[in-house]
Amino acid sequence: MTTIETFHEDNIWKNRRQGDSVAFAVFDTKAEAVAAGREVAIREGAEHVIKDLDGRIAEKNSYGNDPRTIPG
């Protein structure tokens, strides 16, 4: 499953696919970055990981196959 990361770097909020070294979008505010990251995650059926200024994970949302769900 793809993971979209929203994070802060170089005084800018960014979105990238986990594993990519380059962000696919940049924003002035965390709110803008989170909203855009959520849209991409929903469209791609991905997990969305939102990080704080210090790089710690603040929130995770799954928009595809929830990794916590056990098939049955």
PDB file of N, CA and C in Angstrom:
ATOM      1  N   MET A   1       0.839  -1.185   0.000  1.00  0.00           N
ATOM      2  CA  MET A   1       0.000   0.000   0.000  1.00  0.00           C
ATOM      3  C   MET A   1       0.885   1.251   0.000  1.00  0.00           C
ATOM      4  N   THR A   2       0.521   2.193  -0.795  1.00  0.00           N
ATOM      5  CA  THR A   2       1.227   3.465  -0.856  1.00  0.00           C
ATOM      6  C   THR A   2       0.963   4.271   0.412  1.00  0.00           C
ATOM      7  N   THR A   3       1.960   5.020   0.839  1.00  0.00           N
ATOM      8  CA  THR A   3       1.793   5.923   1.971  1.00  0.00           C
ATOM      9  C   THR A   3       2.140   7.334   1.523  1.00  0.00           C
ATOM     10  N   ILE A   4       1.248   8.264   1.812  1.00  0.00           N
ATOM     11  CA  ILE A   4       1.484   9.681   1.544  1.00  0.00           C
ATOM     12  C   ILE A   4       1.927  10.328   2.847  1.00  0.00           C
ATOM     13  N   GLU A   5       3.056  11.023   2.817  1.00  0.00           N
ATOM     14  CA  GLU A   5       3.568  11.704   4.000  1.00  0.00           C
ATOM     15  C   GLU A   5       3.364  13.212   3.868  1.00  0.00           C
ATOM     16  N   THR A   6       2.859  13.823   4.924  1.00  0.00           N
ATOM     17  CA  THR A   6       2.799  15.274   5.029  1.00  0.00           C
ATOM     18  C   THR A   6       3.805  15.648   6.111  1.00  0.00           C
ATOM     19  N   PHE A   7       4.764  16.506   5.771  1.00  0.00           N
ATOM     20  CA  PHE A   7       5.856  16.822   6.699  1.00  0.00           C
ATOM     21  C   PHE A   7       6.379  18.233   6.467  1.00  0.00           C
ATOM     22  N   HIS A   8       7.159  18.721   7.433  1.00  0.00           N
ATOM     23  CA  HIS A   8       7.726  20.067   7.374  1.00  0.00           C
ATOM     24  C   HIS A   8       9.225  19.965   7.134  1.00  0.00           C
ATOM     25  N   GLU A   9       9.701  20.734   6.149  1.00  0.00           N
ATOM     26  CA  GLU A   9      11.126  20.725   5.816  1.00  0.00           C
ATOM     27  C   GLU A   9      11.478  22.042   5.152  1.00  0.00           C
ATOM     28  N   ASP A  10      12.578  22.627   5.559  1.00  0.00           N
ATOM     29  CA  ASP A  10      13.054  23.887   4.961  1.00  0.00           C
ATOM     30  C   ASP A  10      11.997  24.990   5.023  1.00  0.00           C
ATOM     31  N   ASN A  11      11.285  25.072   6.152  1.00  0.00           N
ATOM     32  CA  ASN A  11      10.258  26.091   6.393  1.00  0.00           C
ATOM     33  C   ASN A  11       9.052  25.990   5.461  1.00  0.00           C
ATOM     34  N   ILE A  12       8.843  24.808   4.906  1.00  0.00           N
ATOM     35  CA  ILE A  12       7.722  24.572   3.995  1.00  0.00           C
ATOM     36  C   ILE A  12       7.067  23.247   4.371  1.00  0.00           C
ATOM     37  N   TRP A  13       5.749  23.181   4.237  1.00  0.00           N
ATOM     38  CA  TRP A  13       5.022  21.923   4.413  1.00  0.00           C
ATOM     39  C   TRP A  13       4.984  21.210   3.070  1.00  0.00           C
ATOM     40  N   LYS A  14       5.249  19.905   3.091  1.00  0.00           N
ATOM     41  CA  LYS A  14       5.370  19.155   1.847  1.00  0.00           C
ATOM     42  C   LYS A  14       4.578  17.846   1.902  1.00  0.00           C
ATOM     43  N   ASN A  15       4.274  17.327   0.719  1.00  0.00           N
ATOM     44  CA  ASN A  15       3.686  15.998   0.564  1.00  0.00           C
ATOM     45  C   ASN A  15       4.573  15.201  -0.370  1.00  0.00           C
ATOM     46  N   ARG A  16       4.759  13.925  -0.021  1.00  0.00           N
ATOM     47  CA  ARG A  16       5.502  13.017  -0.894  1.00  0.00           C
ATOM     48  C   ARG A  16       5.005  11.595  -0.649  1.00  0.00           C
ATOM     49  N   ARG A  17       5.275  10.759  -1.610  1.00  0.00           N
ATOM     50  CA  ARG A  17       5.013   9.334  -1.444  1.00  0.00           C
ATOM     51  C   ARG A  17       6.187   8.751  -0.663  1.00  0.00           C
ATOM     52  N   GLN A  18       5.883   7.952   0.339  1.00  0.00           N
ATOM     53  CA  GLN A  18       6.937   7.382   1.166  1.00  0.00           C
ATOM     54  C   GLN A  18       7.928   6.639   0.292  1.00  0.00           C
ATOM     55  N   GLY A  19       9.198   6.898   0.526  1.00  0.00           N
ATOM     56  CA  GLY A  19      10.263   6.301  -0.264  1.00  0.00           C
ATOM     57  C   GLY A  19      10.802   7.227  -1.332  1.00  0.00           C
ATOM     58  N   ASP A  20       9.999   8.216  -1.741  1.00  0.00           N
ATOM     59  CA  ASP A  20      10.463   9.203  -2.719  1.00  0.00           C
ATOM     60  C   ASP A  20      11.313  10.245  -2.006  1.00  0.00           C
ATOM     61  N   SER A  21      12.330  10.737  -2.677  1.00  0.00           N
ATOM     62  CA  SER A  21      13.177  11.763  -2.062  1.00  0.00           C
ATOM     63  C   SER A  21      12.670  13.169  -2.356  1.00  0.00           C
ATOM     64  N   VAL A  22      11.789  13.294  -3.347  1.00  0.00           N
ATOM     65  CA  VAL A  22      11.298  14.604  -3.762  1.00  0.00           C
ATOM     66  C   VAL A  22       9.799  14.717  -3.469  1.00  0.00           C
ATOM     67  N   ALA A  23       9.408  15.853  -2.909  1.00  0.00           N
ATOM     68  CA  ALA A  23       7.997  16.112  -2.638  1.00  0.00           C
ATOM     69  C   ALA A  23       7.257  16.362  -3.946  1.00  0.00           C
ATOM     70  N   PHE A  24       5.979  15.945  -4.007  1.00  0.00           N
ATOM     71  CA  PHE A  24       5.181  16.219  -5.200  1.00  0.00           C
ATOM     72  C   PHE A  24       4.358  17.485  -5.055  1.00  0.00           C
ATOM     73  N   ALA A  25       4.333  18.072  -3.840  1.00  0.00           N
ATOM     74  CA  ALA A  25       3.595  19.319  -3.626  1.00  0.00           C
ATOM     75  C   ALA A  25       4.149  20.037  -2.397  1.00  0.00           C
ATOM     76  N   VAL A  26       4.129  21.364  -2.414  1.00  0.00           N
ATOM     77  CA  VAL A  26       4.583  22.178  -1.288  1.00  0.00           C
ATOM     78  C   VAL A  26       3.528  23.223  -0.938  1.00  0.00           C
ATOM     79  N   PHE A  27       3.492  23.605   0.360  1.00  0.00           N
ATOM     80  CA  PHE A  27       2.460  24.513   0.856  1.00  0.00           C
ATOM     81  C   PHE A  27       3.026  25.426   1.933  1.00  0.00           C
ATOM     82  N   ASP A  28       2.382  26.559   2.122  1.00  0.00           N
ATOM     83  CA  ASP A  28       2.789  27.496   3.167  1.00  0.00           C
ATOM     84  C   ASP A  28       2.301  27.057   4.546  1.00  0.00           C
ATOM     85  N   THR A  29       1.167  26.352   4.600  1.00  0.00           N
ATOM     86  CA  THR A  29       0.606  25.975   5.895  1.00  0.00           C
ATOM     87  C   THR A  29       0.404  24.467   6.011  1.00  0.00           C
ATOM     88  N   LYS A  30       0.402  24.017   7.251  1.00  0.00           N
ATOM     89  CA  LYS A  30       0.161  22.595   7.516  1.00  0.00           C
ATOM     90  C   LYS A  30      -1.246  22.211   7.074  1.00  0.00           C
ATOM     91  N   ALA A  31      -2.224  23.070   7.335  1.00  0.00           N
ATOM     92  CA  ALA A  31      -3.616  22.767   6.981  1.00  0.00           C
ATOM     93  C   ALA A  31      -3.766  22.522   5.482  1.00  0.00           C
ATOM     94  N   GLU A  32      -3.124  23.356   4.661  1.00  0.00           N
ATOM     95  CA  GLU A  32      -3.186  23.169   3.209  1.00  0.00           C
ATOM     96  C   GLU A  32      -2.539  21.854   2.798  1.00  0.00           C
ATOM     97  N   ALA A  33      -1.390  21.551   3.386  1.00  0.00           N
ATOM     98  CA  ALA A  33      -0.675  20.325   3.050  1.00  0.00           C
ATOM     99  C   ALA A  33      -1.465  19.091   3.471  1.00  0.00           C
ATOM    100  N   VAL A  34      -2.065  19.135   4.658  1.00  0.00           N
ATOM    101  CA  VAL A  34      -2.853  18.005   5.148  1.00  0.00           C
ATOM    102  C   VAL A  34      -4.057  17.765   4.244  1.00  0.00           C
ATOM    103  N   ALA A  35      -4.761  18.832   3.884  1.00  0.00           N
ATOM    104  CA  ALA A  35      -5.939  18.690   3.022  1.00  0.00           C
ATOM    105  C   ALA A  35      -5.562  18.101   1.664  1.00  0.00           C
ATOM    106  N   ALA A  36      -4.483  18.591   1.081  1.00  0.00           N
ATOM    107  CA  ALA A  36      -4.048  18.086  -0.224  1.00  0.00           C
ATOM    108  C   ALA A  36      -3.540  16.647  -0.121  1.00  0.00           C
ATOM    109  N   GLY A  37      -2.809  16.340   0.942  1.00  0.00           N
ATOM    110  CA  GLY A  37      -2.327  14.982   1.149  1.00  0.00           C
ATOM    111  C   GLY A  37      -3.476  14.006   1.333  1.00  0.00           C
ATOM    112  N   ARG A  38      -4.505  14.436   2.052  1.00  0.00           N
ATOM    113  CA  ARG A  38      -5.691  13.600   2.260  1.00  0.00           C
ATOM    114  C   ARG A  38      -6.366  13.301   0.927  1.00  0.00           C
ATOM    115  N   GLU A  39      -6.505  14.314   0.075  1.00  0.00           N
ATOM    116  CA  GLU A  39      -7.135  14.115  -1.237  1.00  0.00           C
ATOM    117  C   GLU A  39      -6.381  13.076  -2.066  1.00  0.00           C
ATOM    118  N   VAL A  40      -5.061  13.155  -2.064  1.00  0.00           N
ATOM    119  CA  VAL A  40      -4.251  12.198  -2.820  1.00  0.00           C
ATOM    120  C   VAL A  40      -4.385  10.799  -2.218  1.00  0.00           C
ATOM    121  N   ALA A  41      -4.335  10.713  -0.903  1.00  0.00           N
ATOM    122  CA  ALA A  41      -4.451   9.415  -0.233  1.00  0.00           C
ATOM    123  C   ALA A  41      -5.805   8.772  -0.518  1.00  0.00           C
ATOM    124  N   ILE A  42      -6.864   9.552  -0.503  1.00  0.00           N
ATOM    125  CA  ILE A  42      -8.203   9.029  -0.803  1.00  0.00           C
ATOM    126  C   ILE A  42      -8.253   8.543  -2.250  1.00  0.00           C
ATOM    127  N   ARG A  43      -7.758   9.360  -3.167  1.00  0.00           N
ATOM    128  CA  ARG A  43      -7.777   9.012  -4.589  1.00  0.00           C
ATOM    129  C   ARG A  43      -6.979   7.735  -4.875  1.00  0.00           C
ATOM    130  N   GLU A  44      -5.854   7.559  -4.167  1.00  0.00           N
ATOM    131  CA  GLU A  44      -4.977   6.416  -4.414  1.00  0.00           C
ATOM    132  C   GLU A  44      -5.252   5.237  -3.483  1.00  0.00           C
ATOM    133  N   GLY A  45      -6.216   5.387  -2.560  1.00  0.00           N
ATOM    134  CA  GLY A  45      -6.488   4.313  -1.610  1.00  0.00           C
ATOM    135  C   GLY A  45      -5.278   4.033  -0.736  1.00  0.00           C
ATOM    136  N   ALA A  46      -4.649   5.093  -0.266  1.00  0.00           N
ATOM    137  CA  ALA A  46      -3.383   5.002   0.452  1.00  0.00           C
ATOM    138  C   ALA A  46      -3.540   5.352   1.930  1.00  0.00           C
ATOM    139  N   GLU A  47      -2.459   5.151   2.673  1.00  0.00           N
ATOM    140  CA  GLU A  47      -2.400   5.622   4.049  1.00  0.00           C
ATOM    141  C   GLU A  47      -1.822   7.035   4.021  1.00  0.00           C
ATOM    142  N   HIS A  48      -2.300   7.885   4.933  1.00  0.00           N
ATOM    143  CA  HIS A  48      -1.813   9.261   5.027  1.00  0.00           C
ATOM    144  C   HIS A  48      -1.174   9.442   6.393  1.00  0.00           C
ATOM    145  N   VAL A  49       0.122   9.737   6.401  1.00  0.00           N
ATOM    146  CA  VAL A  49       0.868   9.957   7.632  1.00  0.00           C
ATOM    147  C   VAL A  49       1.171  11.444   7.737  1.00  0.00           C
ATOM    148  N   ILE A  50       0.722  12.042   8.833  1.00  0.00           N
ATOM    149  CA  ILE A  50       0.898  13.478   9.061  1.00  0.00           C
ATOM    150  C   ILE A  50       1.893  13.658  10.197  1.00  0.00           C
ATOM    151  N   LYS A  51       2.949  14.412   9.938  1.00  0.00           N
ATOM    152  CA  LYS A  51       4.000  14.621  10.932  1.00  0.00           C
ATOM    153  C   LYS A  51       3.957  16.041  11.479  1.00  0.00           C
ATOM    154  N   ASP A  52       4.430  16.199  12.719  1.00  0.00           N
ATOM    155  CA  ASP A  52       4.550  17.514  13.340  1.00  0.00           C
ATOM    156  C   ASP A  52       5.831  18.197  12.869  1.00  0.00           C
ATOM    157  N   LEU A  53       6.048  19.410  13.359  1.00  0.00           N
ATOM    158  CA  LEU A  53       7.258  20.152  13.004  1.00  0.00           C
ATOM    159  C   LEU A  53       8.528  19.378  13.332  1.00  0.00           C
ATOM    160  N   ASP A  54       8.513  18.613  14.420  1.00  0.00           N
ATOM    161  CA  ASP A  54       9.699  17.880  14.845  1.00  0.00           C
ATOM    162  C   ASP A  54       9.884  16.546  14.122  1.00  0.00           C
ATOM    163  N   GLY A  55       8.973  16.217  13.191  1.00  0.00           N
ATOM    164  CA  GLY A  55       9.091  14.996  12.417  1.00  0.00           C
ATOM    165  C   GLY A  55       8.405  13.788  13.028  1.00  0.00           C
ATOM    166  N   ARG A  56       7.833  13.958  14.217  1.00  0.00           N
ATOM    167  CA  ARG A  56       7.111  12.848  14.844  1.00  0.00           C
ATOM    168  C   ARG A  56       5.738  12.682  14.206  1.00  0.00           C
ATOM    169  N   ILE A  57       5.298  11.433  14.139  1.00  0.00           N
ATOM    170  CA  ILE A  57       3.977  11.158  13.576  1.00  0.00           C
ATOM    171  C   ILE A  57       2.908  11.684  14.521  1.00  0.00           C
ATOM    172  N   ALA A  58       2.059  12.551  14.003  1.00  0.00           N
ATOM    173  CA  ALA A  58       0.976  13.131  14.787  1.00  0.00           C
ATOM    174  C   ALA A  58      -0.341  12.405  14.537  1.00  0.00           C
ATOM    175  N   GLU A  59      -0.479  11.878  13.316  1.00  0.00           N
ATOM    176  CA  GLU A  59      -1.752  11.266  12.928  1.00  0.00           C
ATOM    177  C   GLU A  59      -1.534  10.338  11.746  1.00  0.00           C
ATOM    178  N   LYS A  60      -2.325   9.268  11.705  1.00  0.00           N
ATOM    179  CA  LYS A  60      -2.335   8.357  10.556  1.00  0.00           C
ATOM    180  C   LYS A  60      -3.784   8.084  10.181  1.00  0.00           C
ATOM    181  N   ASN A  61      -4.043   8.086   8.885  1.00  0.00           N
ATOM    182  CA  ASN A  61      -5.373   7.760   8.381  1.00  0.00           C
ATOM    183  C   ASN A  61      -5.225   6.820   7.198  1.00  0.00           C
ATOM    184  N   SER A  62      -6.048   5.803   7.156  1.00  0.00           N
ATOM    185  CA  SER A  62      -5.992   4.829   6.081  1.00  0.00           C
ATOM    186  C   SER A  62      -7.224   4.985   5.193  1.00  0.00           C
ATOM    187  N   TYR A  63      -7.009   5.123   3.897  1.00  0.00           N
ATOM    188  CA  TYR A  63      -8.103   5.314   2.950  1.00  0.00           C
ATOM    189  C   TYR A  63      -8.207   4.154   1.960  1.00  0.00           C
ATOM    190  N   GLY A  64      -7.501   3.077   2.243  1.00  0.00           N
ATOM    191  CA  GLY A  64      -7.569   1.895   1.394  1.00  0.00           C
ATOM    192  C   GLY A  64      -7.873   0.707   2.264  1.00  0.00           C
ATOM    193  N   ASN A  65      -7.095  -0.327   2.103  1.00  0.00           N
ATOM    194  CA  ASN A  65      -7.216  -1.487   2.971  1.00  0.00           C
ATOM    195  C   ASN A  65      -6.587  -1.143   4.307  1.00  0.00           C
ATOM    196  N   ASP A  66      -7.391  -1.009   5.329  1.00  0.00           N
ATOM    197  CA  ASP A  66      -6.897  -0.643   6.651  1.00  0.00           C
ATOM    198  C   ASP A  66      -5.947  -1.730   7.141  1.00  0.00           C
ATOM    199  N   PRO A  67      -4.674  -1.385   7.417  1.00  0.00           N
ATOM    200  CA  PRO A  67      -3.701  -2.399   7.839  1.00  0.00           C
ATOM    201  C   PRO A  67      -4.063  -3.026   9.191  1.00  0.00           C
ATOM    202  N   ARG A  68      -4.948  -2.407   9.951  1.00  0.00           N
ATOM    203  CA  ARG A  68      -5.351  -2.963  11.242  1.00  0.00           C
ATOM    204  C   ARG A  68      -6.489  -3.948  11.105  1.00  0.00           C
ATOM    205  N   THR A  69      -7.072  -4.035   9.927  1.00  0.00           N
ATOM    206  CA  THR A  69      -8.202  -4.931   9.717  1.00  0.00           C
ATOM    207  C   THR A  69      -7.701  -6.320   9.346  1.00  0.00           C
ATOM    208  N   ILE A  70      -8.191  -7.306  10.048  1.00  0.00           N
ATOM    209  CA  ILE A  70      -7.814  -8.684   9.771  1.00  0.00           C
ATOM    210  C   ILE A  70      -8.850  -9.272   8.811  1.00  0.00           C
ATOM    211  N   PRO A  71      -8.389  -9.753   7.641  1.00  0.00           N
ATOM    212  CA  PRO A  71      -9.331 -10.339   6.692  1.00  0.00           C
ATOM    213  C   PRO A  71     -10.026 -11.547   7.302  1.00  0.00           C
ATOM    214  N   GLY A  72     -11.267 -11.753   6.932  1.00  0.00           N
ATOM    215  CA  GLY A  72     -11.925 -12.908   7.500  1.00  0.00           C
ATOM    216  C   GLY A  72     -13.206 -13.101   6.910  1.00  0.00           C
TER     217      GLY A  72
END
